[in-house]
Amino acid sequence: MGPDQTVEIMRRLMTEAMILSLPLLLSACAVSLLVSLLQTLTGVQEQTLTAVPRLVTVFVVTMISMPWTIHRLVSFTLRLLTDFRRYLG
């Protein structure tokens, strides 16, 4: 396996990691934006008010997206192992 194949595998790995983290990051950003807007409008500047809803949201989104995440990871691993034989041979 040469450097080109290694770079290709790493590129595919990073792309898959970004796709898998997207639902969690988007939900955390949306909740943070809404809570910050609410804090600005009401004048309440409590730090725990920002952390708790974000943690709950990330937990809920993780549980909801778990089947999709596992399916993507298994599919990616199978593709990687299938292509790995081609890189060695």
N, C-alpha and C. Protein backbone atom coordinates (compact mmCIF):
# COMPACT_ATOMS: atom_id res chain seq x y z
N MET A 1 0.85 -1.16 0.00
CA MET A 1 0.00 0.00 0.00
C MET A 1 0.90 1.23 0.00
N GLY A 2 0.65 2.12 -0.92
CA GLY A 2 1.46 3.31 -1.06
C GLY A 2 0.84 4.51 -0.36
N PRO A 3 1.54 5.64 -0.44
CA PRO A 3 1.04 6.85 0.21
C PRO A 3 -0.30 7.33 -0.38
N ASP A 4 -0.49 7.12 -1.67
CA ASP A 4 -1.75 7.55 -2.30
C ASP A 4 -2.95 6.81 -1.72
N GLN A 5 -2.81 5.51 -1.53
CA GLN A 5 -3.91 4.74 -0.95
C GLN A 5 -4.16 5.14 0.50
N THR A 6 -3.08 5.40 1.24
CA THR A 6 -3.23 5.81 2.63
C THR A 6 -3.95 7.15 2.73
N VAL A 7 -3.59 8.07 1.87
CA VAL A 7 -4.26 9.38 1.86
C VAL A 7 -5.72 9.24 1.48
N GLU A 8 -6.02 8.36 0.53
CA GLU A 8 -7.42 8.14 0.13
C GLU A 8 -8.24 7.54 1.28
N ILE A 9 -7.67 6.59 1.99
CA ILE A 9 -8.37 5.98 3.12
C ILE A 9 -8.61 7.02 4.21
N MET A 10 -7.61 7.84 4.50
CA MET A 10 -7.76 8.87 5.53
C MET A 10 -8.78 9.93 5.11
N ARG A 11 -8.81 10.27 3.82
CA ARG A 11 -9.80 11.23 3.33
C ARG A 11 -11.21 10.69 3.51
N ARG A 12 -11.40 9.43 3.16
CA ARG A 12 -12.71 8.81 3.33
C ARG A 12 -13.10 8.71 4.80
N LEU A 13 -12.13 8.43 5.66
CA LEU A 13 -12.39 8.35 7.09
C LEU A 13 -12.81 9.70 7.66
N MET A 14 -12.13 10.76 7.27
CA MET A 14 -12.48 12.09 7.76
C MET A 14 -13.85 12.53 7.25
N THR A 15 -14.14 12.21 6.00
CA THR A 15 -15.46 12.54 5.45
C THR A 15 -16.56 11.82 6.22
N GLU A 16 -16.35 10.55 6.50
CA GLU A 16 -17.35 9.78 7.24
C GLU A 16 -17.51 10.33 8.66
N ALA A 17 -16.43 10.72 9.29
CA ALA A 17 -16.51 11.29 10.64
C ALA A 17 -17.30 12.60 10.64
N MET A 18 -17.10 13.42 9.63
CA MET A 18 -17.86 14.67 9.54
C MET A 18 -19.34 14.41 9.33
N ILE A 19 -19.67 13.44 8.48
CA ILE A 19 -21.07 13.11 8.23
C ILE A 19 -21.74 12.58 9.49
N LEU A 20 -21.02 11.73 10.24
CA LEU A 20 -21.60 11.14 11.45
C LEU A 20 -21.78 12.17 12.57
N SER A 21 -20.92 13.17 12.62
CA SER A 21 -21.02 14.17 13.69
C SER A 21 -21.98 15.30 13.35
N LEU A 22 -22.41 15.39 12.12
CA LEU A 22 -23.26 16.50 11.69
C LEU A 22 -24.57 16.63 12.46
N PRO A 23 -25.35 15.56 12.69
CA PRO A 23 -26.61 15.75 13.44
C PRO A 23 -26.39 16.28 14.85
N LEU A 24 -25.36 15.78 15.52
CA LEU A 24 -25.09 16.24 16.90
C LEU A 24 -24.66 17.69 16.92
N LEU A 25 -23.78 18.06 16.00
CA LEU A 25 -23.29 19.43 15.97
C LEU A 25 -24.38 20.42 15.60
N LEU A 26 -25.20 20.07 14.61
CA LEU A 26 -26.28 20.97 14.20
C LEU A 26 -27.31 21.16 15.31
N SER A 27 -27.67 20.07 15.99
CA SER A 27 -28.65 20.21 17.06
C SER A 27 -28.08 21.01 18.23
N ALA A 28 -26.82 20.79 18.59
CA ALA A 28 -26.21 21.55 19.68
C ALA A 28 -26.12 23.03 19.31
N CYS A 29 -25.76 23.33 18.07
CA CYS A 29 -25.69 24.73 17.65
C CYS A 29 -27.06 25.39 17.65
N ALA A 30 -28.08 24.68 17.18
CA ALA A 30 -29.43 25.25 17.15
C ALA A 30 -29.94 25.53 18.56
N VAL A 31 -29.73 24.60 19.47
CA VAL A 31 -30.19 24.81 20.84
C VAL A 31 -29.41 25.94 21.49
N SER A 32 -28.11 26.01 21.26
CA SER A 32 -27.31 27.10 21.82
C SER A 32 -27.78 28.45 21.31
N LEU A 33 -28.10 28.51 20.03
CA LEU A 33 -28.59 29.76 19.45
C LEU A 33 -29.92 30.17 20.08
N LEU A 34 -30.84 29.21 20.22
CA LEU A 34 -32.13 29.51 20.81
C LEU A 34 -32.01 29.93 22.28
N VAL A 35 -31.18 29.24 23.03
CA VAL A 35 -31.01 29.59 24.44
C VAL A 35 -30.33 30.94 24.58
N SER A 36 -29.35 31.21 23.74
CA SER A 36 -28.69 32.53 23.79
C SER A 36 -29.65 33.64 23.44
N LEU A 37 -30.50 33.40 22.45
CA LEU A 37 -31.52 34.39 22.09
C LEU A 37 -32.49 34.61 23.25
N LEU A 38 -32.91 33.53 23.88
CA LEU A 38 -33.82 33.62 25.02
C LEU A 38 -33.16 34.37 26.18
N GLN A 39 -31.88 34.09 26.42
CA GLN A 39 -31.18 34.79 27.50
C GLN A 39 -31.03 36.27 27.20
N THR A 40 -30.78 36.59 25.96
CA THR A 40 -30.64 38.00 25.58
C THR A 40 -31.96 38.74 25.75
N LEU A 41 -33.04 38.11 25.33
CA LEU A 41 -34.35 38.75 25.42
C LEU A 41 -34.83 38.91 26.85
N THR A 42 -34.52 37.95 27.71
CA THR A 42 -35.02 38.02 29.09
C THR A 42 -34.03 38.66 30.06
N GLY A 43 -32.76 38.71 29.68
CA GLY A 43 -31.75 39.29 30.56
C GLY A 43 -31.23 38.32 31.60
N VAL A 44 -31.65 37.07 31.55
CA VAL A 44 -31.16 36.04 32.48
C VAL A 44 -29.83 35.51 31.94
N GLN A 45 -28.76 35.61 32.73
CA GLN A 45 -27.45 35.17 32.27
C GLN A 45 -26.93 34.03 33.13
N GLU A 46 -27.68 32.98 33.22
CA GLU A 46 -27.30 31.82 34.02
C GLU A 46 -26.53 30.83 33.14
N GLN A 47 -25.34 30.41 33.58
CA GLN A 47 -24.50 29.53 32.77
C GLN A 47 -25.05 28.13 32.65
N THR A 48 -25.69 27.64 33.69
CA THR A 48 -26.25 26.29 33.60
C THR A 48 -27.43 26.22 32.64
N LEU A 49 -28.05 27.35 32.39
CA LEU A 49 -29.17 27.39 31.46
C LEU A 49 -28.72 27.07 30.04
N THR A 50 -27.47 27.35 29.71
CA THR A 50 -26.97 27.03 28.37
C THR A 50 -26.49 25.59 28.27
N ALA A 51 -25.91 25.06 29.33
CA ALA A 51 -25.31 23.74 29.26
C ALA A 51 -26.33 22.60 29.32
N VAL A 52 -27.29 22.71 30.20
CA VAL A 52 -28.23 21.61 30.41
C VAL A 52 -29.09 21.32 29.18
N PRO A 53 -29.71 22.32 28.55
CA PRO A 53 -30.50 21.99 27.34
C PRO A 53 -29.63 21.42 26.21
N ARG A 54 -28.41 21.90 26.09
CA ARG A 54 -27.52 21.39 25.05
C ARG A 54 -27.17 19.93 25.31
N LEU A 55 -26.86 19.59 26.55
CA LEU A 55 -26.55 18.21 26.89
C LEU A 55 -27.74 17.28 26.67
N VAL A 56 -28.91 17.74 27.06
CA VAL A 56 -30.12 16.92 26.87
C VAL A 56 -30.39 16.73 25.38
N THR A 57 -30.24 17.79 24.62
CA THR A 57 -30.48 17.70 23.17
C THR A 57 -29.50 16.76 22.50
N VAL A 58 -28.23 16.86 22.85
CA VAL A 58 -27.23 15.97 22.25
C VAL A 58 -27.51 14.52 22.63
N PHE A 59 -27.93 14.29 23.87
CA PHE A 59 -28.27 12.93 24.29
C PHE A 59 -29.46 12.38 23.50
N VAL A 60 -30.50 13.19 23.36
CA VAL A 60 -31.70 12.74 22.64
C VAL A 60 -31.38 12.49 21.16
N VAL A 61 -30.63 13.40 20.55
CA VAL A 61 -30.27 13.23 19.13
C VAL A 61 -29.38 12.01 18.96
N THR A 62 -28.51 11.76 19.91
CA THR A 62 -27.65 10.56 19.85
C THR A 62 -28.50 9.30 19.88
N MET A 63 -29.47 9.25 20.77
CA MET A 63 -30.33 8.07 20.87
C MET A 63 -31.19 7.88 19.61
N ILE A 64 -31.68 8.99 19.07
CA ILE A 64 -32.52 8.91 17.87
C ILE A 64 -31.70 8.49 16.65
N SER A 65 -30.49 9.02 16.52
CA SER A 65 -29.69 8.75 15.33
C SER A 65 -28.79 7.53 15.46
N MET A 66 -28.88 6.81 16.57
CA MET A 66 -28.02 5.64 16.78
C MET A 66 -28.17 4.56 15.70
N PRO A 67 -29.37 4.16 15.30
CA PRO A 67 -29.47 3.14 14.24
C PRO A 67 -28.82 3.59 12.93
N TRP A 68 -29.04 4.84 12.56
CA TRP A 68 -28.43 5.37 11.34
C TRP A 68 -26.91 5.40 11.46
N THR A 69 -26.41 5.80 12.61
CA THR A 69 -24.97 5.87 12.83
C THR A 69 -24.33 4.49 12.76
N ILE A 70 -24.95 3.53 13.40
CA ILE A 70 -24.41 2.17 13.38
C ILE A 70 -24.45 1.61 11.97
N HIS A 71 -25.53 1.85 11.24
CA HIS A 71 -25.61 1.38 9.86
C HIS A 71 -24.50 1.99 9.00
N ARG A 72 -24.25 3.30 9.15
CA ARG A 72 -23.18 3.96 8.39
C ARG A 72 -21.81 3.41 8.76
N LEU A 73 -21.59 3.18 10.05
CA LEU A 73 -20.29 2.65 10.48
C LEU A 73 -20.04 1.24 9.97
N VAL A 74 -21.05 0.39 10.03
CA VAL A 74 -20.91 -0.98 9.52
C VAL A 74 -20.68 -0.95 8.01
N SER A 75 -21.44 -0.14 7.30
CA SER A 75 -21.28 -0.02 5.85
C SER A 75 -19.89 0.49 5.49
N PHE A 76 -19.41 1.51 6.21
CA PHE A 76 -18.08 2.06 5.95
C PHE A 76 -17.01 1.01 6.23
N THR A 77 -17.15 0.27 7.32
CA THR A 77 -16.16 -0.75 7.65
C THR A 77 -16.12 -1.85 6.60
N LEU A 78 -17.28 -2.28 6.15
CA LEU A 78 -17.32 -3.31 5.10
C LEU A 78 -16.69 -2.81 3.80
N ARG A 79 -16.99 -1.56 3.43
CA ARG A 79 -16.36 -1.00 2.23
C ARG A 79 -14.86 -0.90 2.40
N LEU A 80 -14.42 -0.50 3.57
CA LEU A 80 -12.99 -0.35 3.83
C LEU A 80 -12.28 -1.70 3.76
N LEU A 81 -12.87 -2.73 4.37
CA LEU A 81 -12.24 -4.04 4.34
C LEU A 81 -12.26 -4.64 2.93
N THR A 82 -13.31 -4.40 2.18
CA THR A 82 -13.38 -4.87 0.80
C THR A 82 -12.33 -4.18 -0.06
N ASP A 83 -12.20 -2.88 0.10
CA ASP A 83 -11.20 -2.14 -0.67
C ASP A 83 -9.78 -2.42 -0.19
N PHE A 84 -9.64 -2.80 1.06
CA PHE A 84 -8.31 -3.07 1.61
C PHE A 84 -7.65 -4.25 0.90
N ARG A 85 -8.46 -5.25 0.55
CA ARG A 85 -7.91 -6.38 -0.22
C ARG A 85 -7.39 -5.92 -1.58
N ARG A 86 -8.09 -4.96 -2.16
CA ARG A 86 -7.67 -4.45 -3.46
C ARG A 86 -6.36 -3.66 -3.33
N TYR A 87 -6.20 -2.91 -2.23
CA TYR A 87 -4.98 -2.14 -2.03
C TYR A 87 -3.77 -3.04 -1.81
N LEU A 88 -3.98 -4.18 -1.14
CA LEU A 88 -2.86 -5.08 -0.88
C LEU A 88 -2.50 -5.92 -2.08
N GLY A 89 -3.49 -6.21 -2.89
CA GLY A 89 -3.26 -7.14 -4.00
C GLY A 89 -2.91 -6.50 -5.26
